[in-house]
């Protein structure tokens, strides 16, 4: 139980770190200090990796949406 609690605390800390890195509101992820959705944040995900001195947050670019999917959901 102790190991499980430690892992749960670490996952919660990492999720909070990623949320604080995102400077916009999108979907169910809203921030009072950044209430707007910003197009620049739609092209990447925040990824947390283990670094030499602790977790490191970086941006990982998303691949372009396939044309057939974009057409299906009405994207431009």
N, C-alpha and C. Protein backbone atom coordinates (compact mmCIF):
# COMPACT_ATOMS: atom_id res chain seq x y z
N UNK A 1 0.83 -1.19 0.00
CA UNK A 1 0.00 0.00 0.00
C UNK A 1 0.87 1.26 0.00
N UNK A 2 2.00 1.19 0.70
CA UNK A 2 2.88 2.37 0.77
C UNK A 2 3.46 2.70 -0.60
N UNK A 3 3.90 1.68 -1.34
CA UNK A 3 4.44 1.89 -2.68
C UNK A 3 3.36 2.43 -3.62
N UNK A 4 2.15 1.89 -3.51
CA UNK A 4 1.05 2.35 -4.35
C UNK A 4 0.73 3.82 -4.07
N UNK A 5 0.72 4.21 -2.81
CA UNK A 5 0.46 5.61 -2.45
C UNK A 5 1.56 6.52 -2.98
N UNK A 6 2.80 6.09 -2.91
CA UNK A 6 3.91 6.89 -3.43
C UNK A 6 3.79 7.07 -4.93
N UNK A 7 3.42 6.01 -5.64
CA UNK A 7 3.24 6.10 -7.09
C UNK A 7 2.08 7.02 -7.44
N UNK A 8 0.99 6.93 -6.70
CA UNK A 8 -0.16 7.80 -6.95
C UNK A 8 0.20 9.26 -6.73
N UNK A 9 0.97 9.54 -5.71
CA UNK A 9 1.41 10.92 -5.43
C UNK A 9 2.30 11.44 -6.55
N UNK A 10 3.18 10.59 -7.06
CA UNK A 10 4.07 11.02 -8.14
C UNK A 10 3.29 11.30 -9.41
N UNK A 11 2.32 10.45 -9.74
CA UNK A 11 1.49 10.67 -10.93
C UNK A 11 0.69 11.97 -10.78
N UNK A 12 0.14 12.21 -9.60
CA UNK A 12 -0.60 13.46 -9.36
C UNK A 12 0.30 14.67 -9.53
N UNK A 13 1.52 14.60 -9.00
CA UNK A 13 2.47 15.71 -9.14
C UNK A 13 2.82 15.96 -10.60
N UNK A 14 3.04 14.89 -11.36
CA UNK A 14 3.37 15.03 -12.78
C UNK A 14 2.21 15.61 -13.56
N UNK A 15 0.99 15.20 -13.27
CA UNK A 15 -0.19 15.74 -13.95
C UNK A 15 -0.35 17.23 -13.64
N UNK A 16 -0.14 17.61 -12.39
CA UNK A 16 -0.23 19.02 -12.02
C UNK A 16 0.87 19.84 -12.70
N UNK A 17 2.06 19.29 -12.79
CA UNK A 17 3.17 19.98 -13.46
C UNK A 17 2.84 20.23 -14.93
N UNK A 18 2.31 19.22 -15.61
CA UNK A 18 1.92 19.38 -17.02
C UNK A 18 0.80 20.40 -17.16
N UNK A 19 -0.17 20.37 -16.25
CA UNK A 19 -1.28 21.32 -16.32
C UNK A 19 -0.80 22.75 -16.14
N UNK A 20 0.15 22.97 -15.26
CA UNK A 20 0.68 24.32 -15.05
C UNK A 20 1.51 24.80 -16.23
N UNK A 21 2.06 23.87 -17.01
CA UNK A 21 2.85 24.22 -18.18
C UNK A 21 1.96 24.70 -19.32
N UNK A 22 0.73 24.16 -19.37
CA UNK A 22 -0.22 24.54 -20.43
C UNK A 22 -0.79 25.91 -20.10
N UNK A 23 -0.64 26.88 -20.97
CA UNK A 23 -1.09 28.25 -20.71
C UNK A 23 -2.33 28.58 -21.54
N UNK A 24 -3.35 27.74 -21.43
CA UNK A 24 -4.61 27.95 -22.14
C UNK A 24 -5.68 27.10 -21.48
N UNK A 25 -6.92 27.32 -21.87
CA UNK A 25 -8.03 26.46 -21.48
C UNK A 25 -8.48 25.71 -22.73
N UNK A 26 -8.72 24.40 -22.57
CA UNK A 26 -9.15 23.58 -23.71
C UNK A 26 -10.00 22.44 -23.18
N UNK A 27 -11.22 22.32 -23.70
CA UNK A 27 -12.11 21.23 -23.28
C UNK A 27 -12.38 21.30 -21.78
N UNK A 28 -12.20 20.18 -21.11
CA UNK A 28 -12.42 20.12 -19.66
C UNK A 28 -11.26 20.66 -18.85
N UNK A 29 -10.19 21.07 -19.51
CA UNK A 29 -9.00 21.58 -18.83
C UNK A 29 -9.05 23.10 -18.87
N UNK A 30 -9.57 23.71 -17.83
CA UNK A 30 -9.72 25.16 -17.81
C UNK A 30 -8.83 25.78 -16.75
N UNK A 31 -8.42 27.00 -17.04
CA UNK A 31 -7.60 27.76 -16.10
C UNK A 31 -8.17 29.16 -16.02
N UNK A 32 -8.33 29.68 -14.82
CA UNK A 32 -8.82 31.04 -14.65
C UNK A 32 -7.80 32.06 -15.12
N UNK A 33 -6.51 31.75 -14.98
CA UNK A 33 -5.47 32.69 -15.38
C UNK A 33 -5.21 32.66 -16.89
N UNK A 34 -5.66 31.63 -17.59
CA UNK A 34 -5.55 31.53 -19.05
C UNK A 34 -6.89 31.01 -19.58
N UNK A 35 -7.94 31.89 -19.63
CA UNK A 35 -9.28 31.42 -19.98
C UNK A 35 -9.51 31.12 -21.46
N UNK A 36 -8.64 31.59 -22.34
CA UNK A 36 -8.85 31.43 -23.78
C UNK A 36 -8.20 30.16 -24.32
N UNK A 37 -8.78 29.63 -25.40
CA UNK A 37 -8.14 28.55 -26.16
C UNK A 37 -7.22 29.21 -27.18
N UNK A 38 -6.00 28.75 -27.27
CA UNK A 38 -5.02 29.33 -28.19
C UNK A 38 -4.64 28.30 -29.23
N UNK A 39 -4.73 28.69 -30.50
CA UNK A 39 -4.47 27.77 -31.61
C UNK A 39 -3.06 27.18 -31.56
N UNK A 40 -2.10 27.92 -31.05
CA UNK A 40 -0.72 27.43 -31.02
C UNK A 40 -0.56 26.18 -30.15
N UNK A 41 -1.48 25.98 -29.18
CA UNK A 41 -1.39 24.82 -28.30
C UNK A 41 -2.06 23.59 -28.89
N UNK A 42 -2.73 23.71 -30.03
CA UNK A 42 -3.42 22.57 -30.64
C UNK A 42 -2.46 21.65 -31.38
N UNK A 43 -1.25 22.08 -31.66
CA UNK A 43 -0.33 21.30 -32.47
C UNK A 43 0.66 20.43 -31.71
N UNK A 44 0.55 20.38 -30.38
CA UNK A 44 1.51 19.58 -29.63
C UNK A 44 0.91 19.08 -28.32
N UNK A 45 1.54 18.09 -27.75
CA UNK A 45 1.22 17.60 -26.41
C UNK A 45 2.40 17.92 -25.50
N UNK A 46 2.12 18.09 -24.22
CA UNK A 46 3.19 18.19 -23.24
C UNK A 46 3.56 16.77 -22.84
N UNK A 47 4.84 16.45 -22.87
CA UNK A 47 5.34 15.13 -22.52
C UNK A 47 6.32 15.28 -21.37
N UNK A 48 6.17 14.43 -20.36
CA UNK A 48 7.08 14.48 -19.22
C UNK A 48 7.99 13.26 -19.29
N UNK A 49 9.30 13.53 -19.27
CA UNK A 49 10.31 12.46 -19.31
C UNK A 49 11.17 12.56 -18.06
N UNK A 50 11.77 11.45 -17.71
CA UNK A 50 12.70 11.43 -16.58
C UNK A 50 14.00 12.09 -17.00
N UNK A 51 14.41 13.10 -16.25
CA UNK A 51 15.66 13.79 -16.51
C UNK A 51 16.69 13.45 -15.44
N UNK A 52 17.91 13.88 -15.63
CA UNK A 52 18.98 13.59 -14.68
C UNK A 52 18.69 14.18 -13.30
N UNK A 53 18.01 15.34 -13.29
CA UNK A 53 17.73 16.00 -12.01
C UNK A 53 16.24 16.04 -11.69
N UNK A 54 15.47 15.14 -12.29
CA UNK A 54 14.04 15.09 -12.04
C UNK A 54 13.27 15.18 -13.35
N UNK A 55 11.94 15.22 -13.27
CA UNK A 55 11.11 15.24 -14.48
C UNK A 55 11.35 16.48 -15.33
N UNK A 56 11.29 16.29 -16.65
CA UNK A 56 11.47 17.37 -17.62
C UNK A 56 10.23 17.40 -18.51
N UNK A 57 9.59 18.58 -18.63
CA UNK A 57 8.42 18.74 -19.48
C UNK A 57 8.89 19.31 -20.81
N UNK A 58 8.45 18.67 -21.90
CA UNK A 58 8.79 19.20 -23.23
C UNK A 58 7.56 19.10 -24.13
N UNK A 59 7.60 19.81 -25.23
CA UNK A 59 6.52 19.76 -26.22
C UNK A 59 6.84 18.73 -27.28
N UNK A 60 5.85 17.92 -27.62
CA UNK A 60 6.00 16.93 -28.69
C UNK A 60 4.96 17.25 -29.76
N UNK A 61 5.44 17.58 -30.95
CA UNK A 61 4.54 17.97 -32.03
C UNK A 61 3.64 16.82 -32.45
N UNK A 62 2.39 17.14 -32.76
CA UNK A 62 1.43 16.15 -33.22
C UNK A 62 1.52 16.02 -34.73
N UNK A 63 1.32 14.82 -35.28
CA UNK A 63 1.31 14.68 -36.73
C UNK A 63 0.06 15.36 -37.30
N UNK A 64 0.11 15.77 -38.58
CA UNK A 64 -1.08 16.39 -39.17
C UNK A 64 -2.24 15.39 -39.20
N UNK A 65 -3.45 15.91 -39.09
CA UNK A 65 -4.63 15.07 -39.14
C UNK A 65 -4.82 14.56 -40.57
N UNK A 66 -5.08 13.25 -40.74
CA UNK A 66 -5.32 12.73 -42.09
C UNK A 66 -6.51 13.43 -42.75
N UNK A 67 -6.40 13.67 -44.05
CA UNK A 67 -7.43 14.41 -44.79
C UNK A 67 -8.81 13.78 -44.64
N UNK A 68 -8.88 12.43 -44.68
CA UNK A 68 -10.19 11.78 -44.59
C UNK A 68 -10.84 12.00 -43.22
N UNK A 69 -10.05 12.05 -42.16
CA UNK A 69 -10.59 12.32 -40.83
C UNK A 69 -11.00 13.78 -40.72
N UNK A 70 -10.20 14.66 -41.23
CA UNK A 70 -10.51 16.08 -41.20
C UNK A 70 -11.83 16.34 -41.93
N UNK A 71 -12.02 15.71 -43.09
CA UNK A 71 -13.26 15.87 -43.85
C UNK A 71 -14.45 15.31 -43.07
N UNK A 72 -14.25 14.21 -42.37
CA UNK A 72 -15.32 13.56 -41.62
C UNK A 72 -15.83 14.43 -40.47
N UNK A 73 -14.92 15.12 -39.79
CA UNK A 73 -15.34 15.95 -38.66
C UNK A 73 -15.58 17.40 -39.05
N UNK A 74 -15.44 17.71 -40.33
CA UNK A 74 -15.74 19.06 -40.79
C UNK A 74 -14.62 20.05 -40.58
N UNK A 75 -13.40 19.58 -40.46
CA UNK A 75 -12.26 20.47 -40.28
C UNK A 75 -11.87 21.14 -41.58
N UNK A 76 -11.10 22.20 -41.45
CA UNK A 76 -10.66 22.94 -42.64
C UNK A 76 -9.24 22.57 -42.98
